[in-house]
Amino acid sequence: LSSFNGVLEARLPPANAPEAVGRTVTIKKTDTSSNNINVSEQGGAGPDGFTQPLTSQYDALTVVSDGGQWFIVSKF
């Protein structure tokens, strides 16, 4: 994703949504701007209970849903 034009919110579906359960998702920041991409959950706090910011080019977050919560698998 690119936040070149301003801060961007990447909102995951609820962890218990049928399309989310068991799914692994990777979100990556591709632009060089200083604008964050904030990864959160629709109706929830976000992966591991908090909104996760991607601040630098090529920062990435991989998460998985167990049906109750989004968990961070890796963050780089």
C-alpha atoms as a PDB file:
ATOM      1  CA  LEU A   1       0.000   0.000   0.000  1.00  0.00           C
ATOM      2  CA  SER A   2       1.068   3.588  -0.539  1.00  0.00           C
ATOM      3  CA  SER A   3       0.496   6.418   1.948  1.00  0.00           C
ATOM      4  CA  PHE A   4       2.248   8.971  -0.262  1.00  0.00           C
ATOM      5  CA  ASN A   5      -0.805  11.292  -0.260  1.00  0.00           C
ATOM      6  CA  GLY A   6      -1.396  11.097   3.501  1.00  0.00           C
ATOM      7  CA  VAL A   7      -1.835   8.765   6.449  1.00  0.00           C
ATOM      8  CA  LEU A   8      -3.665   5.592   5.413  1.00  0.00           C
ATOM      9  CA  GLU A   9      -5.764   3.226   7.507  1.00  0.00           C
ATOM     10  CA  ALA A  10      -5.701  -0.464   6.532  1.00  0.00           C
ATOM     11  CA  ARG A  11      -8.663  -2.008   8.324  1.00  0.00           C
ATOM     12  CA  LEU A  12      -8.838  -5.787   8.686  1.00  0.00           C
ATOM     13  CA  PRO A  13     -12.268  -7.445   8.891  1.00  0.00           C
ATOM     14  CA  PRO A  14     -13.357  -8.695  12.317  1.00  0.00           C
ATOM     15  CA  ALA A  15     -11.283 -11.739  13.295  1.00  0.00           C
ATOM     16  CA  ASN A  16     -14.452 -13.834  13.636  1.00  0.00           C
ATOM     17  CA  ALA A  17     -15.796 -12.967  10.171  1.00  0.00           C
ATOM     18  CA  PRO A  18     -16.213 -16.122   8.045  1.00  0.00           C
ATOM     19  CA  GLU A  19     -13.810 -14.788   5.400  1.00  0.00           C
ATOM     20  CA  ALA A  20     -11.141 -14.023   8.042  1.00  0.00           C
ATOM     21  CA  VAL A  21     -10.983 -17.224  10.119  1.00  0.00           C
ATOM     22  CA  GLY A  22      -7.742 -19.063   9.368  1.00  0.00           C
ATOM     23  CA  ARG A  23      -6.637 -16.431   6.858  1.00  0.00           C
ATOM     24  CA  THR A  24      -3.106 -15.028   6.731  1.00  0.00           C
ATOM     25  CA  VAL A  25      -2.703 -11.464   5.427  1.00  0.00           C
ATOM     26  CA  THR A  26       0.438  -9.422   4.698  1.00  0.00           C
ATOM     27  CA  ILE A  27       0.283  -5.627   4.442  1.00  0.00           C
ATOM     28  CA  LYS A  28       3.350  -3.751   3.150  1.00  0.00           C
ATOM     29  CA  LYS A  29       4.167  -0.034   2.869  1.00  0.00           C
ATOM     30  CA  THR A  30       5.723   0.679  -0.536  1.00  0.00           C
ATOM     31  CA  ASP A  31       6.210   4.457  -0.662  1.00  0.00           C
ATOM     32  CA  THR A  32       9.063   6.611   0.675  1.00  0.00           C
ATOM     33  CA  SER A  33       6.880   9.215   2.432  1.00  0.00           C
ATOM     34  CA  SER A  34       6.863   9.798   6.184  1.00  0.00           C
ATOM     35  CA  ASN A  35       3.086   9.120   6.297  1.00  0.00           C
ATOM     36  CA  ASN A  36       2.090   6.052   8.317  1.00  0.00           C
ATOM     37  CA  ILE A  37      -0.126   3.165   7.319  1.00  0.00           C
ATOM     38  CA  ASN A  38      -2.069   2.200  10.432  1.00  0.00           C
ATOM     39  CA  VAL A  39      -3.281  -1.410  10.496  1.00  0.00           C
ATOM     40  CA  SER A  40      -6.383  -1.902  12.633  1.00  0.00           C
ATOM     41  CA  GLU A  41      -9.419  -4.165  12.843  1.00  0.00           C
ATOM     42  CA  GLN A  42     -12.962  -3.176  11.928  1.00  0.00           C
ATOM     43  CA  GLY A  43     -14.819  -2.946  15.228  1.00  0.00           C
ATOM     44  CA  GLY A  44     -11.728  -3.981  17.207  1.00  0.00           C
ATOM     45  CA  ALA A  45      -8.389  -2.732  18.444  1.00  0.00           C
ATOM     46  CA  GLY A  46      -6.174  -4.408  15.861  1.00  0.00           C
ATOM     47  CA  PRO A  47      -3.599  -7.177  15.625  1.00  0.00           C
ATOM     48  CA  ASP A  48      -2.383  -8.284  19.068  1.00  0.00           C
ATOM     49  CA  GLY A  49      -4.820  -5.773  20.576  1.00  0.00           C
ATOM     50  CA  PHE A  50      -3.338  -2.546  19.167  1.00  0.00           C
ATOM     51  CA  THR A  51      -3.298  -0.497  15.974  1.00  0.00           C
ATOM     52  CA  GLN A  52       0.004  -1.351  14.280  1.00  0.00           C
ATOM     53  CA  PRO A  53       1.822   1.467  12.396  1.00  0.00           C
ATOM     54  CA  LEU A  54       3.951   0.864   9.300  1.00  0.00           C
ATOM     55  CA  THR A  55       6.263   3.873   9.183  1.00  0.00           C
ATOM     56  CA  SER A  56       9.065   3.243   6.652  1.00  0.00           C
ATOM     57  CA  GLN A  57       9.274   2.040   3.075  1.00  0.00           C
ATOM     58  CA  TYR A  58       9.036  -1.775   2.903  1.00  0.00           C
ATOM     59  CA  ASP A  59       7.766  -2.148   6.479  1.00  0.00           C
ATOM     60  CA  ALA A  60       5.417  -5.128   6.450  1.00  0.00           C
ATOM     61  CA  LEU A  61       3.055  -6.878   8.823  1.00  0.00           C
ATOM     62  CA  THR A  62       1.793 -10.452   8.471  1.00  0.00           C
ATOM     63  CA  VAL A  63      -1.191 -11.427  10.614  1.00  0.00           C
ATOM     64  CA  VAL A  64      -3.409 -14.489  11.008  1.00  0.00           C
ATOM     65  CA  SER A  65      -6.922 -14.826  12.427  1.00  0.00           C
ATOM     66  CA  ASP A  66      -7.769 -17.688  14.785  1.00  0.00           C
ATOM     67  CA  GLY A  67     -11.452 -16.750  14.733  1.00  0.00           C
ATOM     68  CA  GLY A  68     -11.221 -14.686  17.897  1.00  0.00           C
ATOM     69  CA  GLN A  69      -8.310 -12.312  17.337  1.00  0.00           C
ATOM     70  CA  TRP A  70      -5.770 -11.216  14.736  1.00  0.00           C
ATOM     71  CA  PHE A  71      -2.259 -12.281  15.765  1.00  0.00           C
ATOM     72  CA  ILE A  72       1.028 -10.917  14.390  1.00  0.00           C
ATOM     73  CA  VAL A  73       3.046 -13.637  12.684  1.00  0.00           C
ATOM     74  CA  SER A  74       5.862 -11.293  11.620  1.00  0.00           C
ATOM     75  CA  LYS A  75       6.615  -7.592  11.490  1.00  0.00           C
ATOM     76  CA  PHE A  76       9.575  -6.251   9.518  1.00  0.00           C
END
